[in-house]
């Protein structure tokens, strides 16, 4: 699956919820996900990297 296809899928699944959360709420959620990825990298938790990267990519659904 290409990144754009993944993003389109995330938009189909999460767009309505993101709209209801609003820009500020969605940005805070995104920042939280980036923080989780940074923590995983800092701690060397390689098993968790893929999941955290996926969460960050899913944020670009709109």
Protein backbone atom coordinates (compact mmCIF):
# COMPACT_ATOMS: atom_id res chain seq x y z
CA UNK A 1 0.00 0.00 0.00
CA UNK A 2 1.30 3.45 -0.90
CA UNK A 3 1.28 6.22 1.73
CA UNK A 4 -1.39 8.16 -0.18
CA UNK A 5 -3.64 5.08 -0.19
CA UNK A 6 -3.13 4.72 3.55
CA UNK A 7 -3.93 8.38 4.10
CA UNK A 8 -7.10 8.07 1.99
CA UNK A 9 -8.16 5.09 4.09
CA UNK A 10 -7.52 7.01 7.31
CA UNK A 11 -9.57 9.90 5.94
CA UNK A 12 -12.49 7.57 5.23
CA UNK A 13 -12.29 6.11 8.73
CA UNK A 14 -11.50 9.19 10.85
CA UNK A 15 -12.48 12.35 8.94
CA UNK A 16 -15.85 12.82 10.65
CA UNK A 17 -14.36 12.37 14.12
CA UNK A 18 -11.51 14.78 13.31
CA UNK A 19 -14.01 17.34 12.06
CA UNK A 20 -15.99 17.09 15.29
CA UNK A 21 -12.80 17.38 17.37
CA UNK A 22 -11.87 20.59 15.53
CA UNK A 23 -8.51 21.93 14.43
CA UNK A 24 -7.13 22.60 17.92
CA UNK A 25 -8.17 19.19 19.25
CA UNK A 26 -6.80 17.41 16.20
CA UNK A 27 -3.50 19.29 16.46
CA UNK A 28 -3.15 18.34 20.13
CA UNK A 29 -3.86 14.70 19.22
CA UNK A 30 -1.21 14.88 16.47
CA UNK A 31 1.34 16.39 18.88
CA UNK A 32 0.61 13.61 21.35
CA UNK A 33 1.21 10.96 18.67
CA UNK A 34 4.51 12.58 17.62
CA UNK A 35 5.52 12.62 21.29
CA UNK A 36 4.80 8.90 21.59
CA UNK A 37 6.97 8.25 18.51
CA UNK A 38 9.79 10.39 19.95
CA UNK A 39 9.61 8.49 23.25
CA UNK A 40 9.72 5.15 21.44
CA UNK A 41 12.80 6.25 19.48
CA UNK A 42 14.51 7.72 22.55
CA UNK A 43 13.94 4.54 24.55
CA UNK A 44 15.07 2.32 21.67
CA UNK A 45 11.75 0.46 21.66
CA UNK A 46 12.05 -0.82 18.08
CA UNK A 47 9.03 -3.12 18.39
CA UNK A 48 6.86 -0.05 18.87
CA UNK A 49 8.29 2.17 16.10
CA UNK A 50 6.04 0.86 13.33
CA UNK A 51 2.88 1.39 15.33
CA UNK A 52 3.89 4.91 16.35
CA UNK A 53 4.87 5.89 12.79
CA UNK A 54 1.50 4.57 11.60
CA UNK A 55 -0.29 6.68 14.19
CA UNK A 56 1.55 9.82 13.04
CA UNK A 57 0.81 9.07 9.37
CA UNK A 58 -2.84 8.48 10.22
CA UNK A 59 -3.02 12.05 11.52
CA UNK A 60 -2.66 13.34 7.94
CA UNK A 61 -6.08 12.07 7.00
CA UNK A 62 -7.65 15.40 6.15
